[in-house]
Amino acid sequence: MIVADEKKRIRVPAVHPRDIYHPETMTRDLIVLRRVEPPKPKKKKTPEEIGRAIEKHRIESTFSYDELRKLTREP
């Protein structure tokens, strides 16, 4: 027998840490837990890929230095 605690949690012996389950409520008395595969981790970029991305997307100012200085400094 499994009893829910005050925070609506239950312990299921067959479940392992970090497993992901999708609950399906069939009826008031029947709840099915379906195991879901966790999402694949994103591949980290290499320093070379990061450098190429920075070079490809350089930010260019549309202001001259003096115009930018006037906008960012207090009078």
N, C-alpha and C. Protein backbone atom coordinates (compact mmCIF):
# COMPACT_ATOMS: atom_id res chain seq x y z
N MET A 1 0.85 -1.17 0.00
CA MET A 1 0.00 0.00 0.00
C MET A 1 0.89 1.23 0.00
N ILE A 2 0.53 2.24 -0.79
CA ILE A 2 1.27 3.49 -0.87
C ILE A 2 0.33 4.61 -0.42
N VAL A 3 0.82 5.47 0.47
CA VAL A 3 0.02 6.56 1.00
C VAL A 3 0.67 7.89 0.60
N ALA A 4 -0.13 8.82 0.08
CA ALA A 4 0.38 10.14 -0.27
C ALA A 4 0.59 10.96 0.99
N ASP A 5 1.65 11.80 0.99
CA ASP A 5 1.89 12.66 2.15
C ASP A 5 1.14 13.99 1.99
N GLU A 6 1.42 14.94 2.89
CA GLU A 6 0.71 16.23 2.89
C GLU A 6 0.96 17.03 1.60
N LYS A 7 2.11 16.80 0.96
CA LYS A 7 2.44 17.53 -0.27
C LYS A 7 2.06 16.76 -1.52
N LYS A 8 1.19 15.76 -1.38
CA LYS A 8 0.67 14.95 -2.48
C LYS A 8 1.76 14.13 -3.15
N ARG A 9 2.77 13.69 -2.39
CA ARG A 9 3.85 12.88 -2.94
C ARG A 9 3.66 11.43 -2.53
N ILE A 10 4.09 10.53 -3.39
CA ILE A 10 4.09 9.12 -3.06
C ILE A 10 5.46 8.55 -3.41
N ARG A 11 5.79 7.41 -2.79
CA ARG A 11 7.05 6.73 -3.09
C ARG A 11 6.72 5.47 -3.86
N VAL A 12 7.36 5.34 -5.02
CA VAL A 12 7.17 4.15 -5.84
C VAL A 12 8.51 3.41 -5.87
N PRO A 13 8.58 2.21 -5.30
CA PRO A 13 9.86 1.50 -5.20
C PRO A 13 10.55 1.23 -6.54
N ALA A 14 9.79 1.05 -7.61
CA ALA A 14 10.39 0.70 -8.90
C ALA A 14 10.99 1.89 -9.65
N VAL A 15 10.79 3.09 -9.13
CA VAL A 15 11.25 4.30 -9.81
C VAL A 15 12.66 4.66 -9.36
N HIS A 16 13.47 5.10 -10.32
CA HIS A 16 14.84 5.52 -10.01
C HIS A 16 14.95 7.04 -10.04
N PRO A 17 15.94 7.62 -9.35
CA PRO A 17 16.11 9.07 -9.37
C PRO A 17 16.29 9.60 -10.80
N ARG A 18 15.72 10.74 -11.07
CA ARG A 18 15.78 11.45 -12.35
C ARG A 18 15.03 10.76 -13.48
N ASP A 19 14.27 9.71 -13.19
CA ASP A 19 13.38 9.13 -14.21
C ASP A 19 12.25 10.12 -14.45
N ILE A 20 11.74 10.15 -15.66
CA ILE A 20 10.65 11.07 -16.00
C ILE A 20 9.43 10.24 -16.36
N TYR A 21 8.29 10.58 -15.75
CA TYR A 21 7.05 9.85 -15.99
C TYR A 21 5.93 10.82 -16.34
N HIS A 22 5.05 10.37 -17.21
CA HIS A 22 3.88 11.16 -17.58
C HIS A 22 2.66 10.49 -16.96
N PRO A 23 1.98 11.17 -16.01
CA PRO A 23 0.81 10.55 -15.39
C PRO A 23 -0.43 10.66 -16.28
N GLU A 24 -1.17 9.57 -16.40
CA GLU A 24 -2.43 9.57 -17.13
C GLU A 24 -3.53 9.12 -16.17
N THR A 25 -4.51 9.98 -15.93
CA THR A 25 -5.61 9.63 -15.06
C THR A 25 -6.68 8.95 -15.90
N MET A 26 -6.82 7.66 -15.72
CA MET A 26 -7.82 6.90 -16.47
C MET A 26 -9.20 7.05 -15.82
N THR A 27 -9.26 6.81 -14.53
CA THR A 27 -10.48 7.01 -13.74
C THR A 27 -10.03 7.59 -12.41
N ARG A 28 -10.98 7.84 -11.52
CA ARG A 28 -10.62 8.38 -10.21
C ARG A 28 -9.74 7.39 -9.45
N ASP A 29 -9.91 6.11 -9.70
CA ASP A 29 -9.18 5.07 -8.99
C ASP A 29 -7.98 4.51 -9.76
N LEU A 30 -7.77 4.93 -11.01
CA LEU A 30 -6.70 4.37 -11.82
C LEU A 30 -5.85 5.47 -12.42
N ILE A 31 -4.59 5.50 -12.03
CA ILE A 31 -3.62 6.44 -12.58
C ILE A 31 -2.47 5.62 -13.16
N VAL A 32 -2.13 5.87 -14.41
CA VAL A 32 -1.06 5.14 -15.08
C VAL A 32 0.13 6.08 -15.24
N LEU A 33 1.32 5.60 -14.86
CA LEU A 33 2.55 6.37 -15.05
C LEU A 33 3.29 5.78 -16.24
N ARG A 34 3.50 6.58 -17.26
CA ARG A 34 4.25 6.13 -18.44
C ARG A 34 5.62 6.77 -18.41
N ARG A 35 6.66 5.92 -18.52
CA ARG A 35 8.03 6.42 -18.51
C ARG A 35 8.32 7.13 -19.82
N VAL A 36 8.94 8.31 -19.72
CA VAL A 36 9.27 9.13 -20.88
C VAL A 36 10.79 9.25 -20.95
N GLU A 37 11.34 9.14 -22.14
CA GLU A 37 12.79 9.32 -22.31
C GLU A 37 13.14 10.79 -22.06
N PRO A 38 14.18 11.06 -21.29
CA PRO A 38 14.57 12.45 -21.06
C PRO A 38 15.09 13.08 -22.35
N PRO A 39 14.97 14.40 -22.47
CA PRO A 39 15.47 15.05 -23.68
C PRO A 39 17.00 14.92 -23.76
N LYS A 40 17.51 14.81 -24.97
CA LYS A 40 18.95 14.68 -25.17
C LYS A 40 19.62 16.01 -24.83
N PRO A 41 20.77 15.98 -24.15
CA PRO A 41 21.46 17.24 -23.84
C PRO A 41 21.97 17.91 -25.11
N LYS A 42 21.96 19.23 -25.11
CA LYS A 42 22.44 19.96 -26.27
C LYS A 42 23.95 19.81 -26.37
N LYS A 43 24.43 19.70 -27.60
CA LYS A 43 25.86 19.55 -27.83
C LYS A 43 26.54 20.90 -27.57
N LYS A 44 27.61 20.86 -26.77
CA LYS A 44 28.33 22.09 -26.48
C LYS A 44 29.18 22.48 -27.68
N LYS A 45 29.27 23.78 -27.92
CA LYS A 45 30.07 24.27 -29.03
C LYS A 45 31.54 24.32 -28.64
N THR A 46 32.38 24.07 -29.61
CA THR A 46 33.82 24.14 -29.37
C THR A 46 34.25 25.60 -29.41
N PRO A 47 35.41 25.91 -28.86
CA PRO A 47 35.89 27.30 -28.91
C PRO A 47 36.01 27.81 -30.36
N GLU A 48 36.37 26.92 -31.29
CA GLU A 48 36.49 27.34 -32.69
C GLU A 48 35.13 27.73 -33.26
N GLU A 49 34.09 26.95 -32.93
CA GLU A 49 32.74 27.26 -33.41
C GLU A 49 32.25 28.58 -32.82
N ILE A 50 32.56 28.81 -31.56
CA ILE A 50 32.16 30.06 -30.91
C ILE A 50 32.86 31.24 -31.57
N GLY A 51 34.17 31.10 -31.84
CA GLY A 51 34.92 32.16 -32.50
C GLY A 51 34.36 32.48 -33.88
N ARG A 52 34.02 31.43 -34.65
CA ARG A 52 33.44 31.64 -35.98
C ARG A 52 32.09 32.35 -35.88
N ALA A 53 31.28 31.99 -34.91
CA ALA A 53 29.98 32.63 -34.74
C ALA A 53 30.12 34.10 -34.40
N ILE A 54 31.11 34.42 -33.55
CA ILE A 54 31.34 35.82 -33.18
C ILE A 54 31.80 36.62 -34.40
N GLU A 55 32.72 36.06 -35.19
CA GLU A 55 33.20 36.75 -36.38
C GLU A 55 32.08 36.95 -37.40
N LYS A 56 31.22 35.97 -37.53
CA LYS A 56 30.14 36.03 -38.51
C LYS A 56 29.10 37.08 -38.14
N HIS A 57 28.87 37.29 -36.86
CA HIS A 57 27.80 38.18 -36.40
C HIS A 57 28.36 39.37 -35.63
N ARG A 58 29.31 40.03 -36.19
CA ARG A 58 29.88 41.21 -35.53
C ARG A 58 28.82 42.30 -35.41
N ILE A 59 28.81 42.98 -34.28
CA ILE A 59 27.90 44.10 -34.06
C ILE A 59 28.62 45.36 -34.48
N GLU A 60 28.00 46.10 -35.37
CA GLU A 60 28.58 47.35 -35.84
C GLU A 60 27.72 48.51 -35.37
N SER A 61 28.34 49.51 -34.82
CA SER A 61 27.62 50.68 -34.32
C SER A 61 27.21 51.57 -35.49
N THR A 62 26.02 52.12 -35.39
CA THR A 62 25.56 53.06 -36.42
C THR A 62 25.87 54.49 -36.01
N PHE A 63 26.43 54.67 -34.81
CA PHE A 63 26.78 56.00 -34.32
C PHE A 63 28.29 56.20 -34.40
N SER A 64 28.67 57.44 -34.57
CA SER A 64 30.11 57.75 -34.46
C SER A 64 30.45 57.76 -32.97
N TYR A 65 31.73 57.75 -32.67
CA TYR A 65 32.15 57.74 -31.27
C TYR A 65 31.62 58.95 -30.52
N ASP A 66 31.69 60.14 -31.14
CA ASP A 66 31.23 61.36 -30.48
C ASP A 66 29.72 61.33 -30.22
N GLU A 67 28.93 60.82 -31.19
CA GLU A 67 27.48 60.72 -30.99
C GLU A 67 27.15 59.75 -29.86
N LEU A 68 27.85 58.64 -29.83
CA LEU A 68 27.64 57.65 -28.79
C LEU A 68 28.02 58.21 -27.42
N ARG A 69 29.09 58.97 -27.38
CA ARG A 69 29.55 59.57 -26.13
C ARG A 69 28.52 60.58 -25.60
N LYS A 70 27.90 61.36 -26.49
CA LYS A 70 26.88 62.32 -26.09
C LYS A 70 25.66 61.60 -25.52
N LEU A 71 25.31 60.47 -26.13
CA LEU A 71 24.13 59.72 -25.68
C LEU A 71 24.34 59.05 -24.33
N THR A 72 25.58 58.67 -24.03
CA THR A 72 25.83 57.89 -22.82
C THR A 72 26.38 58.69 -21.67
N ARG A 73 26.75 59.92 -21.88
CA ARG A 73 27.29 60.74 -20.80
C ARG A 73 26.28 61.77 -20.33
N GLU A 74 26.34 62.07 -19.06
CA GLU A 74 25.45 63.11 -18.53
C GLU A 74 26.01 64.47 -18.91
N PRO A 75 25.14 65.43 -19.17
CA PRO A 75 25.63 66.78 -19.55
C PRO A 75 26.33 67.50 -18.43
